[in-house]
């Protein structure tokens, strides 16, 4: 598969959480939009925390789990516990 047809990937900095997006590049650091991660020089530094390319790993966005439903009393009201719940 050629570079032009391969999907854009994202990589996350394990130190600070910055996400490098191949499609957007990092123009402020001299990486034009469309710069593939493997084409980034090894001495490139994270623009937020300064670690090198070795401290980045592939990033895959995960979908949030659906909110849990809570059983309520017969009148549709629930109980709210504030704190650790030890006072009751």
C-alpha atoms as a PDB file:
ATOM      1  CA  UNK A   1       0.000   0.000   0.000  1.00  0.00           C
ATOM      2  CA  UNK A   2       1.461   3.353  -0.934  1.00  0.00           C
ATOM      3  CA  UNK A   3       1.969   6.171   1.556  1.00  0.00           C
ATOM      4  CA  UNK A   4      -0.764   8.179  -0.155  1.00  0.00           C
ATOM      5  CA  UNK A   5      -3.478   5.543   0.340  1.00  0.00           C
ATOM      6  CA  UNK A   6      -2.551   4.446   3.858  1.00  0.00           C
ATOM      7  CA  UNK A   7      -4.750   5.863   6.621  1.00  0.00           C
ATOM      8  CA  UNK A   8      -3.350   8.671   8.737  1.00  0.00           C
ATOM      9  CA  UNK A   9      -2.159   7.516  12.147  1.00  0.00           C
ATOM     10  CA  UNK A  10      -1.748   9.226  15.479  1.00  0.00           C
ATOM     11  CA  UNK A  11       0.932   8.750  18.122  1.00  0.00           C
ATOM     12  CA  UNK A  12       0.744   9.754  21.784  1.00  0.00           C
ATOM     13  CA  UNK A  13       3.590  10.986  23.972  1.00  0.00           C
ATOM     14  CA  UNK A  14       3.850   8.674  26.969  1.00  0.00           C
ATOM     15  CA  UNK A  15       5.300  11.503  29.061  1.00  0.00           C
ATOM     16  CA  UNK A  16       2.752  14.303  28.558  1.00  0.00           C
ATOM     17  CA  UNK A  17      -0.103  12.967  26.398  1.00  0.00           C
ATOM     18  CA  UNK A  18       0.483  15.155  23.324  1.00  0.00           C
ATOM     19  CA  UNK A  19      -0.943  13.486  20.226  1.00  0.00           C
ATOM     20  CA  UNK A  20       1.068  13.716  16.990  1.00  0.00           C
ATOM     21  CA  UNK A  21      -1.280  13.452  14.012  1.00  0.00           C
ATOM     22  CA  UNK A  22       0.421  12.524  10.729  1.00  0.00           C
ATOM     23  CA  UNK A  23      -2.238  14.352   8.730  1.00  0.00           C
ATOM     24  CA  UNK A  24      -1.640  17.629  10.599  1.00  0.00           C
ATOM     25  CA  UNK A  25       2.113  17.293  11.143  1.00  0.00           C
ATOM     26  CA  UNK A  26       3.822  19.763  13.483  1.00  0.00           C
ATOM     27  CA  UNK A  27       4.531  22.900  11.424  1.00  0.00           C
ATOM     28  CA  UNK A  28       5.909  24.773  14.465  1.00  0.00           C
ATOM     29  CA  UNK A  29       8.647  22.113  14.738  1.00  0.00           C
ATOM     30  CA  UNK A  30       9.288  21.946  10.993  1.00  0.00           C
ATOM     31  CA  UNK A  31       7.127  18.870  10.238  1.00  0.00           C
ATOM     32  CA  UNK A  32       4.814  19.631   7.332  1.00  0.00           C
ATOM     33  CA  UNK A  33       1.260  18.256   7.264  1.00  0.00           C
ATOM     34  CA  UNK A  34       1.368  14.716   5.897  1.00  0.00           C
ATOM     35  CA  UNK A  35       4.690  13.821   7.558  1.00  0.00           C
ATOM     36  CA  UNK A  36       4.572  10.131   8.433  1.00  0.00           C
ATOM     37  CA  UNK A  37       5.811   9.236  11.909  1.00  0.00           C
ATOM     38  CA  UNK A  38       8.583   7.020  10.548  1.00  0.00           C
ATOM     39  CA  UNK A  39       9.865   9.998   8.513  1.00  0.00           C
ATOM     40  CA  UNK A  40      10.326  12.196  11.588  1.00  0.00           C
ATOM     41  CA  UNK A  41      14.032  12.621  12.475  1.00  0.00           C
ATOM     42  CA  UNK A  42      15.091  10.643  15.572  1.00  0.00           C
ATOM     43  CA  UNK A  43      16.251  13.848  17.291  1.00  0.00           C
ATOM     44  CA  UNK A  44      12.807  15.513  16.991  1.00  0.00           C
ATOM     45  CA  UNK A  45      11.468  16.544  20.400  1.00  0.00           C
ATOM     46  CA  UNK A  46       7.931  16.658  21.748  1.00  0.00           C
ATOM     47  CA  UNK A  47       6.933  20.340  21.567  1.00  0.00           C
ATOM     48  CA  UNK A  48       5.363  20.175  25.046  1.00  0.00           C
ATOM     49  CA  UNK A  49       7.770  18.182  27.197  1.00  0.00           C
ATOM     50  CA  UNK A  50      10.943  17.708  25.144  1.00  0.00           C
ATOM     51  CA  UNK A  51      11.171  13.896  25.051  1.00  0.00           C
ATOM     52  CA  UNK A  52      12.229  12.246  21.793  1.00  0.00           C
ATOM     53  CA  UNK A  53      10.347  10.248  19.200  1.00  0.00           C
ATOM     54  CA  UNK A  54      11.162   7.037  21.109  1.00  0.00           C
ATOM     55  CA  UNK A  55       8.729   8.100  23.841  1.00  0.00           C
ATOM     56  CA  UNK A  56       5.720   8.064  21.491  1.00  0.00           C
ATOM     57  CA  UNK A  57       3.470   5.068  20.871  1.00  0.00           C
ATOM     58  CA  UNK A  58       0.589   4.440  18.463  1.00  0.00           C
ATOM     59  CA  UNK A  59      -2.642   6.042  19.657  1.00  0.00           C
ATOM     60  CA  UNK A  60      -6.021   4.437  19.067  1.00  0.00           C
ATOM     61  CA  UNK A  61      -9.063   6.416  20.148  1.00  0.00           C
ATOM     62  CA  UNK A  62     -11.421   4.310  22.242  1.00  0.00           C
ATOM     63  CA  UNK A  63     -15.152   4.793  22.436  1.00  0.00           C
ATOM     64  CA  UNK A  64     -16.529   5.741  25.849  1.00  0.00           C
ATOM     65  CA  UNK A  65     -18.519   3.061  27.629  1.00  0.00           C
ATOM     66  CA  UNK A  66     -22.228   3.805  27.895  1.00  0.00           C
ATOM     67  CA  UNK A  67     -23.353   5.332  31.171  1.00  0.00           C
ATOM     68  CA  UNK A  68     -24.653   2.862  33.723  1.00  0.00           C
ATOM     69  CA  UNK A  69     -28.302   3.064  34.698  1.00  0.00           C
ATOM     70  CA  UNK A  70     -29.132   3.361  38.368  1.00  0.00           C
ATOM     71  CA  UNK A  71     -32.167   1.766  39.968  1.00  0.00           C
ATOM     72  CA  UNK A  72     -34.348   4.307  41.766  1.00  0.00           C
ATOM     73  CA  UNK A  73     -37.066   4.061  44.372  1.00  0.00           C
ATOM     74  CA  UNK A  74     -40.792   3.690  43.655  1.00  0.00           C
ATOM     75  CA  UNK A  75     -41.336   7.439  43.249  1.00  0.00           C
ATOM     76  CA  UNK A  76     -38.455   7.855  40.829  1.00  0.00           C
ATOM     77  CA  UNK A  77     -36.108   9.388  43.363  1.00  0.00           C
ATOM     78  CA  UNK A  78     -32.696   8.061  44.219  1.00  0.00           C
ATOM     79  CA  UNK A  79     -30.270   8.439  47.083  1.00  0.00           C
ATOM     80  CA  UNK A  80     -27.153  10.563  46.734  1.00  0.00           C
ATOM     81  CA  UNK A  81     -24.182   9.602  48.876  1.00  0.00           C
ATOM     82  CA  UNK A  82     -21.720  12.432  49.358  1.00  0.00           C
ATOM     83  CA  UNK A  83     -18.198  11.543  50.411  1.00  0.00           C
ATOM     84  CA  UNK A  84     -17.098   8.003  51.225  1.00  0.00           C
ATOM     85  CA  UNK A  85     -20.531   6.914  52.505  1.00  0.00           C
ATOM     86  CA  UNK A  86     -19.285   6.158  56.001  1.00  0.00           C
ATOM     87  CA  UNK A  87     -21.457   8.725  57.839  1.00  0.00           C
ATOM     88  CA  UNK A  88     -24.650   6.754  57.529  1.00  0.00           C
END
